[in-house]
Amino acid sequence: MIRIAILFAFFLVTAEAGAQDSSKTSLDVGDLKLYPLLWQQDASEYRALCYQAFNIAAFRLDAAIQKNPKKTDLAIITDLDETILDNSEIEAEMIKYHEKLSYKKWMDWLNGPAIPTVPGGVEFLQEAGKKGVTIYYISNREIKGLEITLTILQKLKLPNVDSAHVLLVTDVFSKGPRIKSVMDTHDVVLLLGDNLNDFMPIFEDRSIPDRFKETDKMKKEWGSKFIVLPNAAYGEWENALFEYKDSLSDDQKITRLKSLLKAVQ
């Protein structure tokens, strides 16, 4: 009888929980970033992929220098966020407290304690600078945040940290013109980024099939001239999932995501 009573109580609680769950009509899409952010913060596999990327970059850089030892115009173009700087903590704060990332909160984050860095990135850029390679930092941070960005990079003792080499967004969001301006004056041997828009504008505002097509066209460049860092939390890939529609409700986003899943049946 005691066992039956316990089982009955268990099923009663389960039924009540199910009834509560069924009354929930929407899902907070922000919670979908729990796993990606935990992977970035707590998975050794994430760290290994970062070290792997920068090890390959170091190998490619040394090969380029050995091929042209007397060249003085060698350069590297790198993104900042999720390529050199790790902003997962501010993303996590937004999830924990169900908040939206405002400009004020972003600036508070930048002016706060030391920002974590992506494993292997700072060391790689420091070594590249010692070898006489010029570093350009091309980021889609707003230009009004230039001063604090310079301060953060200077504290990390990174090379070429000044307004001539840290190129933020002014009037054009695309990185294409800024990348071209560096390529016009330097022999760019490597581009580093976590978003394919960091490498070429051909990936901007493109559908998932189109992004696949362009990625496959350049398959020989990945790990050669283009070094990709892992970022499962956000990026152009996420915008492509929602077909670049900013007005979708959470329910519409969930429906869209489920429709994209490729399953056996």
C-alpha atoms as a PDB file:
ATOM      1  CA  MET A   1       0.000   0.000   0.000  1.00  0.00           C
ATOM      2  CA  ILE A   2       2.834   2.372   0.834  1.00  0.00           C
ATOM      3  CA  ARG A   3       4.408   1.740  -2.570  1.00  0.00           C
ATOM      4  CA  ILE A   4       1.077   2.365  -4.293  1.00  0.00           C
ATOM      5  CA  ALA A   5       0.621   5.610  -2.382  1.00  0.00           C
ATOM      6  CA  ILE A   6       4.086   6.768  -3.339  1.00  0.00           C
ATOM      7  CA  LEU A   7       3.481   5.940  -6.991  1.00  0.00           C
ATOM      8  CA  PHE A   8       0.139   7.754  -6.937  1.00  0.00           C
ATOM      9  CA  ALA A   9       1.777  10.821  -5.420  1.00  0.00           C
ATOM     10  CA  PHE A  10       4.507  10.693  -8.080  1.00  0.00           C
ATOM     11  CA  PHE A  11       2.004  10.540 -10.939  1.00  0.00           C
ATOM     12  CA  LEU A  12      -0.055  13.328  -9.364  1.00  0.00           C
ATOM     13  CA  VAL A  13       2.953  15.632  -9.184  1.00  0.00           C
ATOM     14  CA  THR A  14       3.954  14.684 -12.717  1.00  0.00           C
ATOM     15  CA  ALA A  15       0.463  15.397 -14.018  1.00  0.00           C
ATOM     16  CA  GLU A  16       0.402  18.776 -12.295  1.00  0.00           C
ATOM     17  CA  ALA A  17       3.797  19.651 -13.778  1.00  0.00           C
ATOM     18  CA  GLY A  18       2.562  18.593 -17.203  1.00  0.00           C
ATOM     19  CA  ALA A  19      -0.507  20.765 -16.861  1.00  0.00           C
ATOM     20  CA  GLN A  20       1.666  23.726 -15.934  1.00  0.00           C
ATOM     21  CA  ASP A  21       3.951  23.086 -18.896  1.00  0.00           C
ATOM     22  CA  SER A  22       1.041  22.815 -21.322  1.00  0.00           C
ATOM     23  CA  SER A  23      -0.159  26.263 -20.283  1.00  0.00           C
ATOM     24  CA  LYS A  24       3.124  27.773 -21.424  1.00  0.00           C
ATOM     25  CA  THR A  25       2.514  29.060 -24.938  1.00  0.00           C
ATOM     26  CA  SER A  26       5.877  30.584 -25.733  1.00  0.00           C
ATOM     27  CA  LEU A  27       9.567  29.952 -25.209  1.00  0.00           C
ATOM     28  CA  ASP A  28      12.170  32.563 -24.397  1.00  0.00           C
ATOM     29  CA  VAL A  29      14.443  32.377 -27.427  1.00  0.00           C
ATOM     30  CA  GLY A  30      17.250  33.881 -25.356  1.00  0.00           C
ATOM     31  CA  ASP A  31      17.398  30.643 -23.360  1.00  0.00           C
ATOM     32  CA  LEU A  32      18.411  28.835 -26.551  1.00  0.00           C
ATOM     33  CA  LYS A  33      21.849  30.390 -26.085  1.00  0.00           C
ATOM     34  CA  LEU A  34      22.438  28.548 -22.800  1.00  0.00           C
ATOM     35  CA  TYR A  35      24.202  25.606 -24.412  1.00  0.00           C
ATOM     36  CA  PRO A  36      26.322  27.657 -26.857  1.00  0.00           C
ATOM     37  CA  LEU A  37      27.523  29.967 -24.077  1.00  0.00           C
ATOM     38  CA  LEU A  38      28.218  27.127 -21.672  1.00  0.00           C
ATOM     39  CA  TRP A  39      30.158  25.413 -24.459  1.00  0.00           C
ATOM     40  CA  GLN A  40      32.206  28.574 -24.979  1.00  0.00           C
ATOM     41  CA  GLN A  41      32.866  29.029 -21.264  1.00  0.00           C
ATOM     42  CA  ASP A  42      33.183  25.451 -19.985  1.00  0.00           C
ATOM     43  CA  ALA A  43      34.034  23.073 -22.835  1.00  0.00           C
ATOM     44  CA  SER A  44      37.654  22.077 -23.276  1.00  0.00           C
ATOM     45  CA  GLU A  45      36.750  21.300 -26.882  1.00  0.00           C
ATOM     46  CA  TYR A  46      36.119  25.010 -27.467  1.00  0.00           C
ATOM     47  CA  ARG A  47      39.561  25.899 -26.073  1.00  0.00           C
ATOM     48  CA  ALA A  48      41.174  23.181 -28.174  1.00  0.00           C
ATOM     49  CA  LEU A  49      39.583  24.565 -31.355  1.00  0.00           C
ATOM     50  CA  CYS A  50      40.867  28.061 -30.528  1.00  0.00           C
ATOM     51  CA  TYR A  51      44.404  26.821 -29.917  1.00  0.00           C
ATOM     52  CA  GLN A  52      44.177  24.781 -33.100  1.00  0.00           C
ATOM     53  CA  ALA A  53      43.155  27.858 -35.100  1.00  0.00           C
ATOM     54  CA  PHE A  54      46.023  29.963 -33.799  1.00  0.00           C
ATOM     55  CA  ASN A  55      48.532  27.111 -34.188  1.00  0.00           C
ATOM     56  CA  ILE A  56      47.560  26.864 -37.854  1.00  0.00           C
ATOM     57  CA  ALA A  57      47.777  30.658 -38.155  1.00  0.00           C
ATOM     58  CA  ALA A  58      51.313  30.621 -36.687  1.00  0.00           C
ATOM     59  CA  PHE A  59      52.338  27.879 -39.120  1.00  0.00           C
ATOM     60  CA  ARG A  60      50.944  29.814 -42.101  1.00  0.00           C
ATOM     61  CA  LEU A  61      52.543  33.051 -40.950  1.00  0.00           C
ATOM     62  CA  ASP A  62      55.988  31.489 -40.574  1.00  0.00           C
ATOM     63  CA  ALA A  63      55.671  29.991 -44.057  1.00  0.00           C
ATOM     64  CA  ALA A  64      54.795  33.402 -45.530  1.00  0.00           C
ATOM     65  CA  ILE A  65      57.737  35.055 -43.788  1.00  0.00           C
ATOM     66  CA  GLN A  66      60.169  32.362 -44.935  1.00  0.00           C
ATOM     67  CA  LYS A  67      58.909  32.735 -48.490  1.00  0.00           C
ATOM     68  CA  ASN A  68      59.506  36.498 -48.470  1.00  0.00           C
ATOM     69  CA  PRO A  69      61.971  37.196 -45.620  1.00  0.00           C
ATOM     70  CA  LYS A  70      62.754  40.721 -46.794  1.00  0.00           C
ATOM     71  CA  LYS A  71      59.184  41.924 -47.228  1.00  0.00           C
ATOM     72  CA  THR A  72      58.230  44.735 -44.886  1.00  0.00           C
ATOM     73  CA  ASP A  73      54.562  45.090 -45.789  1.00  0.00           C
ATOM     74  CA  LEU A  74      53.205  41.808 -44.423  1.00  0.00           C
ATOM     75  CA  ALA A  75      49.987  42.266 -42.453  1.00  0.00           C
ATOM     76  CA  ILE A  76      47.313  40.365 -40.558  1.00  0.00           C
ATOM     77  CA  ILE A  77      43.688  41.493 -40.370  1.00  0.00           C
ATOM     78  CA  THR A  78      41.826  40.314 -37.310  1.00  0.00           C
ATOM     79  CA  ASP A  79      38.353  40.707 -35.898  1.00  0.00           C
ATOM     80  CA  LEU A  80      38.026  41.463 -32.175  1.00  0.00           C
ATOM     81  CA  ASP A  81      34.902  40.079 -30.507  1.00  0.00           C
ATOM     82  CA  GLU A  82      34.943  36.284 -30.155  1.00  0.00           C
ATOM     83  CA  THR A  83      38.186  36.230 -32.145  1.00  0.00           C
ATOM     84  CA  ILE A  84      40.536  37.938 -29.676  1.00  0.00           C
ATOM     85  CA  LEU A  85      38.141  39.132 -26.943  1.00  0.00           C
ATOM     86  CA  ASP A  86      35.677  36.801 -25.226  1.00  0.00           C
ATOM     87  CA  ASN A  87      32.367  38.563 -24.490  1.00  0.00           C
ATOM     88  CA  SER A  88      30.455  35.487 -23.352  1.00  0.00           C
ATOM     89  CA  GLU A  89      30.096  36.842 -19.800  1.00  0.00           C
ATOM     90  CA  ILE A  90      27.973  39.827 -20.830  1.00  0.00           C
ATOM     91  CA  GLU A  91      25.903  37.545 -23.073  1.00  0.00           C
ATOM     92  CA  ALA A  92      25.418  35.182 -20.120  1.00  0.00           C
ATOM     93  CA  GLU A  93      24.356  38.051 -17.860  1.00  0.00           C
ATOM     94  CA  MET A  94      21.591  38.974 -20.297  1.00  0.00           C
ATOM     95  CA  ILE A  95      20.256  35.410 -20.153  1.00  0.00           C
ATOM     96  CA  LYS A  96      20.485  35.015 -16.376  1.00  0.00           C
ATOM     97  CA  TYR A  97      18.590  38.236 -15.720  1.00  0.00           C
ATOM     98  CA  HIS A  98      16.297  38.162 -18.788  1.00  0.00           C
ATOM     99  CA  GLU A  99      17.619  41.461 -20.116  1.00  0.00           C
ATOM    100  CA  LYS A 100      18.398  42.903 -23.530  1.00  0.00           C
ATOM    101  CA  LEU A 101      21.884  44.093 -24.313  1.00  0.00           C
ATOM    102  CA  SER A 102      21.669  47.882 -24.416  1.00  0.00           C
ATOM    103  CA  TYR A 103      24.445  50.261 -25.412  1.00  0.00           C
ATOM    104  CA  LYS A 104      24.798  51.346 -21.773  1.00  0.00           C
ATOM    105  CA  LYS A 105      25.214  47.773 -20.558  1.00  0.00           C
ATOM    106  CA  TRP A 106      27.730  47.123 -23.334  1.00  0.00           C
ATOM    107  CA  MET A 107      29.784  50.177 -22.322  1.00  0.00           C
ATOM    108  CA  ASP A 108      29.579  49.193 -18.644  1.00  0.00           C
ATOM    109  CA  TRP A 109      30.974  45.795 -19.638  1.00  0.00           C
ATOM    110  CA  LEU A 110      33.821  47.369 -21.599  1.00  0.00           C
ATOM    111  CA  ASN A 111      34.675  49.710 -18.718  1.00  0.00           C
ATOM    112  CA  GLY A 112      34.486  46.952 -16.115  1.00  0.00           C
ATOM    113  CA  PRO A 113      37.083  44.387 -15.008  1.00  0.00           C
ATOM    114  CA  ALA A 114      39.508  42.886 -17.495  1.00  0.00           C
ATOM    115  CA  ILE A 115      37.659  41.244 -20.392  1.00  0.00           C
ATOM    116  CA  PRO A 116      38.567  37.577 -20.933  1.00  0.00           C
ATOM    117  CA  THR A 117      40.421  36.710 -24.103  1.00  0.00           C
ATOM    118  CA  VAL A 118      40.036  33.901 -26.622  1.00  0.00           C
ATOM    119  CA  PRO A 119      42.599  31.150 -25.884  1.00  0.00           C
ATOM    120  CA  GLY A 120      45.800  31.629 -27.884  1.00  0.00           C
ATOM    121  CA  GLY A 121      44.849  34.891 -29.589  1.00  0.00           C
ATOM    122  CA  VAL A 122      46.846  37.442 -27.627  1.00  0.00           C
ATOM    123  CA  GLU A 123      50.002  35.342 -27.702  1.00  0.00           C
ATOM    124  CA  PHE A 124      49.714  34.793 -31.447  1.00  0.00           C
ATOM    125  CA  LEU A 125      49.368  38.507 -32.231  1.00  0.00           C
ATOM    126  CA  GLN A 126      52.200  39.430 -29.895  1.00  0.00           C
ATOM    127  CA  GLU A 127      54.511  36.954 -31.627  1.00  0.00           C
ATOM    128  CA  ALA A 128      53.431  38.187 -35.053  1.00  0.00           C
ATOM    129  CA  GLY A 129      54.242  41.752 -34.020  1.00  0.00           C
ATOM    130  CA  LYS A 130      57.712  40.703 -32.870  1.00  0.00           C
ATOM    131  CA  LYS A 131      58.303  39.241 -36.334  1.00  0.00           C
ATOM    132  CA  GLY A 132      57.622  42.603 -37.955  1.00  0.00           C
ATOM    133  CA  VAL A 133      54.108  41.844 -39.170  1.00  0.00           C
ATOM    134  CA  THR A 134      51.612  44.721 -38.976  1.00  0.00           C
ATOM    135  CA  ILE A 135      48.299  43.969 -37.263  1.00  0.00           C
ATOM    136  CA  TYR A 136      45.028  45.611 -38.287  1.00  0.00           C
ATOM    137  CA  TYR A 137      41.994  45.212 -36.059  1.00  0.00           C
ATOM    138  CA  ILE A 138      38.788  45.504 -38.090  1.00  0.00           C
ATOM    139  CA  SER A 139      35.708  45.351 -35.890  1.00  0.00           C
ATOM    140  CA  ASN A 140      32.072  46.295 -36.263  1.00  0.00           C
ATOM    141  CA  ARG A 141      32.070  48.037 -32.930  1.00  0.00           C
ATOM    142  CA  GLU A 142      30.815  51.595 -33.229  1.00  0.00           C
ATOM    143  CA  ILE A 143      33.435  54.299 -33.704  1.00  0.00           C
ATOM    144  CA  LYS A 144      32.258  56.107 -30.556  1.00  0.00           C
ATOM    145  CA  GLY A 145      33.686  53.172 -28.619  1.00  0.00           C
ATOM    146  CA  LEU A 146      37.154  53.601 -30.112  1.00  0.00           C
ATOM    147  CA  GLU A 147      38.818  55.078 -27.018  1.00  0.00           C
ATOM    148  CA  ILE A 148      37.761  52.291 -24.650  1.00  0.00           C
ATOM    149  CA  THR A 149      38.596  49.657 -27.282  1.00  0.00           C
ATOM    150  CA  LEU A 150      42.110  51.093 -27.636  1.00  0.00           C
ATOM    151  CA  THR A 151      42.508  51.042 -23.851  1.00  0.00           C
ATOM    152  CA  ILE A 152      41.464  47.377 -23.642  1.00  0.00           C
ATOM    153  CA  LEU A 153      43.863  46.329 -26.408  1.00  0.00           C
ATOM    154  CA  GLN A 154      46.716  48.385 -24.967  1.00  0.00           C
ATOM    155  CA  LYS A 155      46.296  46.687 -21.593  1.00  0.00           C
ATOM    156  CA  LEU A 156      46.745  43.376 -23.382  1.00  0.00           C
ATOM    157  CA  LYS A 157      50.032  44.690 -24.833  1.00  0.00           C
ATOM    158  CA  LEU A 158      48.952  43.965 -28.391  1.00  0.00           C
ATOM    159  CA  PRO A 159      50.930  45.459 -31.300  1.00  0.00           C
ATOM    160  CA  ASN A 160      49.843  48.389 -33.507  1.00  0.00           C
ATOM    161  CA  VAL A 161      47.100  49.567 -31.177  1.00  0.00           C
ATOM    162  CA  ASP A 162      46.216  53.056 -32.416  1.00  0.00           C
ATOM    163  CA  SER A 163      43.466  54.753 -34.393  1.00  0.00           C
ATOM    164  CA  ALA A 164      45.251  53.999 -37.680  1.00  0.00           C
ATOM    165  CA  HIS A 165      45.187  50.253 -37.086  1.00  0.00           C
ATOM    166  CA  VAL A 166      41.951  49.788 -35.118  1.00  0.00           C
ATOM    167  CA  LEU A 167      39.232  50.306 -37.718  1.00  0.00           C
ATOM    168  CA  LEU A 168      35.707  50.448 -36.315  1.00  0.00           C
ATOM    169  CA  VAL A 169      32.362  51.208 -37.959  1.00  0.00           C
ATOM    170  CA  THR A 170      31.834  54.762 -39.148  1.00  0.00           C
ATOM    171  CA  ASP A 171      29.212  55.091 -41.882  1.00  0.00           C
ATOM    172  CA  VAL A 172      29.491  51.669 -43.594  1.00  0.00           C
ATOM    173  CA  PHE A 173      28.731  48.539 -41.563  1.00  0.00           C
ATOM    174  CA  SER A 174      30.278  46.134 -44.061  1.00  0.00           C
ATOM    175  CA  LYS A 175      33.918  45.316 -43.414  1.00  0.00           C
ATOM    176  CA  GLY A 176      34.616  45.072 -47.141  1.00  0.00           C
ATOM    177  CA  PRO A 177      35.856  48.652 -47.707  1.00  0.00           C
ATOM    178  CA  ARG A 178      38.065  48.577 -44.616  1.00  0.00           C
ATOM    179  CA  ILE A 179      39.586  45.229 -45.588  1.00  0.00           C
ATOM    180  CA  LYS A 180      40.236  46.535 -49.097  1.00  0.00           C
ATOM    181  CA  SER A 181      41.935  49.663 -47.756  1.00  0.00           C
ATOM    182  CA  VAL A 182      44.446  47.493 -45.892  1.00  0.00           C
ATOM    183  CA  MET A 183      44.956  45.156 -48.838  1.00  0.00           C
ATOM    184  CA  ASP A 184      45.674  48.147 -51.085  1.00  0.00           C
ATOM    185  CA  THR A 185      48.747  49.030 -49.017  1.00  0.00           C
ATOM    186  CA  HIS A 186      49.857  45.728 -47.477  1.00  0.00           C
ATOM    187  CA  ASP A 187      50.433  42.095 -48.351  1.00  0.00           C
ATOM    188  CA  VAL A 188      47.748  40.553 -46.120  1.00  0.00           C
ATOM    189  CA  VAL A 189      48.836  37.018 -45.345  1.00  0.00           C
ATOM    190  CA  LEU A 190      46.069  36.109 -42.859  1.00  0.00           C
ATOM    191  CA  LEU A 191      42.545  37.131 -41.925  1.00  0.00           C
ATOM    192  CA  LEU A 192      41.152  35.997 -38.559  1.00  0.00           C
ATOM    193  CA  GLY A 193      37.491  35.974 -37.558  1.00  0.00           C
ATOM    194  CA  ASP A 194      34.548  34.083 -36.069  1.00  0.00           C
ATOM    195  CA  ASN A 195      32.048  35.253 -38.693  1.00  0.00           C
ATOM    196  CA  LEU A 196      32.438  34.702 -42.425  1.00  0.00           C
ATOM    197  CA  ASN A 197      31.637  38.394 -42.921  1.00  0.00           C
ATOM    198  CA  ASP A 198      35.070  38.985 -41.327  1.00  0.00           C
ATOM    199  CA  PHE A 199      36.675  37.599 -44.470  1.00  0.00           C
ATOM    200  CA  MET A 200      34.626  38.677 -47.478  1.00  0.00           C
ATOM    201  CA  PRO A 201      31.441  40.726 -47.990  1.00  0.00           C
ATOM    202  CA  ILE A 202      30.095  37.998 -50.286  1.00  0.00           C
ATOM    203  CA  PHE A 203      28.638  36.343 -47.163  1.00  0.00           C
ATOM    204  CA  GLU A 204      26.620  39.365 -46.048  1.00  0.00           C
ATOM    205  CA  ASP A 205      22.812  39.101 -46.119  1.00  0.00           C
ATOM    206  CA  ARG A 206      22.906  35.802 -47.987  1.00  0.00           C
ATOM    207  CA  SER A 207      20.641  32.794 -47.622  1.00  0.00           C
ATOM    208  CA  ILE A 208      21.832  29.557 -46.035  1.00  0.00           C
ATOM    209  CA  PRO A 209      22.251  27.786 -49.429  1.00  0.00           C
ATOM    210  CA  ASP A 210      24.140  30.780 -50.840  1.00  0.00           C
ATOM    211  CA  ARG A 211      26.467  30.887 -47.823  1.00  0.00           C
ATOM    212  CA  PHE A 212      27.134  27.160 -48.242  1.00  0.00           C
ATOM    213  CA  LYS A 213      27.858  27.666 -51.938  1.00  0.00           C
ATOM    214  CA  GLU A 214      30.341  30.492 -51.345  1.00  0.00           C
ATOM    215  CA  THR A 215      31.999  28.595 -48.478  1.00  0.00           C
ATOM    216  CA  ASP A 216      32.523  25.570 -50.702  1.00  0.00           C
ATOM    217  CA  LYS A 217      33.948  27.738 -53.491  1.00  0.00           C
ATOM    218  CA  MET A 218      36.693  28.901 -51.137  1.00  0.00           C
ATOM    219  CA  LYS A 219      37.371  25.606 -49.404  1.00  0.00           C
ATOM    220  CA  LYS A 220      41.111  25.884 -50.063  1.00  0.00           C
ATOM    221  CA  GLU A 221      41.318  29.211 -48.216  1.00  0.00           C
ATOM    222  CA  TRP A 222      40.003  27.929 -44.864  1.00  0.00           C
ATOM    223  CA  GLY A 223      43.013  27.127 -42.729  1.00  0.00           C
ATOM    224  CA  SER A 224      45.266  28.679 -45.358  1.00  0.00           C
ATOM    225  CA  LYS A 225      44.640  32.438 -45.553  1.00  0.00           C
ATOM    226  CA  PHE A 226      41.342  32.475 -43.666  1.00  0.00           C
ATOM    227  CA  ILE A 227      41.438  31.315 -40.034  1.00  0.00           C
ATOM    228  CA  VAL A 228      38.007  30.778 -38.457  1.00  0.00           C
ATOM    229  CA  LEU A 229      37.431  30.832 -34.690  1.00  0.00           C
ATOM    230  CA  PRO A 230      34.444  28.961 -33.174  1.00  0.00           C
ATOM    231  CA  ASN A 231      31.382  30.972 -32.142  1.00  0.00           C
ATOM    232  CA  ALA A 232      28.120  29.095 -31.657  1.00  0.00           C
ATOM    233  CA  ALA A 233      26.433  31.940 -29.731  1.00  0.00           C
ATOM    234  CA  TYR A 234      25.774  34.506 -32.458  1.00  0.00           C
ATOM    235  CA  GLY A 235      26.805  35.692 -35.908  1.00  0.00           C
ATOM    236  CA  GLU A 236      25.639  36.054 -39.489  1.00  0.00           C
ATOM    237  CA  TRP A 237      24.724  32.363 -39.485  1.00  0.00           C
ATOM    238  CA  GLU A 238      22.051  33.152 -36.886  1.00  0.00           C
ATOM    239  CA  ASN A 239      20.636  36.013 -38.980  1.00  0.00           C
ATOM    240  CA  ALA A 240      20.483  33.672 -41.962  1.00  0.00           C
ATOM    241  CA  LEU A 241      18.429  31.163 -39.950  1.00  0.00           C
ATOM    242  CA  PHE A 242      15.718  33.795 -39.553  1.00  0.00           C
ATOM    243  CA  GLU A 243      16.118  35.084 -43.124  1.00  0.00           C
ATOM    244  CA  TYR A 244      17.287  38.444 -41.717  1.00  0.00           C
ATOM    245  CA  LYS A 245      13.828  39.218 -40.327  1.00  0.00           C
ATOM    246  CA  ASP A 246      14.111  41.233 -37.112  1.00  0.00           C
ATOM    247  CA  SER A 247      10.372  41.392 -36.445  1.00  0.00           C
ATOM    248  CA  LEU A 248       9.744  37.678 -35.813  1.00  0.00           C
ATOM    249  CA  SER A 249       8.120  36.775 -32.488  1.00  0.00           C
ATOM    250  CA  ASP A 250       9.702  34.141 -30.249  1.00  0.00           C
ATOM    251  CA  ASP A 251       7.070  31.608 -31.333  1.00  0.00           C
ATOM    252  CA  GLN A 252       7.757  32.360 -34.986  1.00  0.00           C
ATOM    253  CA  LYS A 253      11.480  31.931 -34.396  1.00  0.00           C
ATOM    254  CA  ILE A 254      10.978  28.556 -32.729  1.00  0.00           C
ATOM    255  CA  THR A 255       8.745  27.407 -35.578  1.00  0.00           C
ATOM    256  CA  ARG A 256      11.337  28.547 -38.096  1.00  0.00           C
ATOM    257  CA  LEU A 257      14.176  26.783 -36.278  1.00  0.00           C
ATOM    258  CA  LYS A 258      12.265  23.509 -36.056  1.00  0.00           C
ATOM    259  CA  SER A 259      11.427  23.711 -39.758  1.00  0.00           C
ATOM    260  CA  LEU A 260      15.131  23.906 -40.585  1.00  0.00           C
ATOM    261  CA  LEU A 261      16.084  20.771 -38.665  1.00  0.00           C
ATOM    262  CA  LYS A 262      17.080  17.886 -40.912  1.00  0.00           C
ATOM    263  CA  ALA A 263      15.750  14.688 -39.364  1.00  0.00           C
ATOM    264  CA  VAL A 264      15.440  11.067 -40.482  1.00  0.00           C
ATOM    265  CA  GLN A 265      11.646  11.378 -40.772  1.00  0.00           C
END
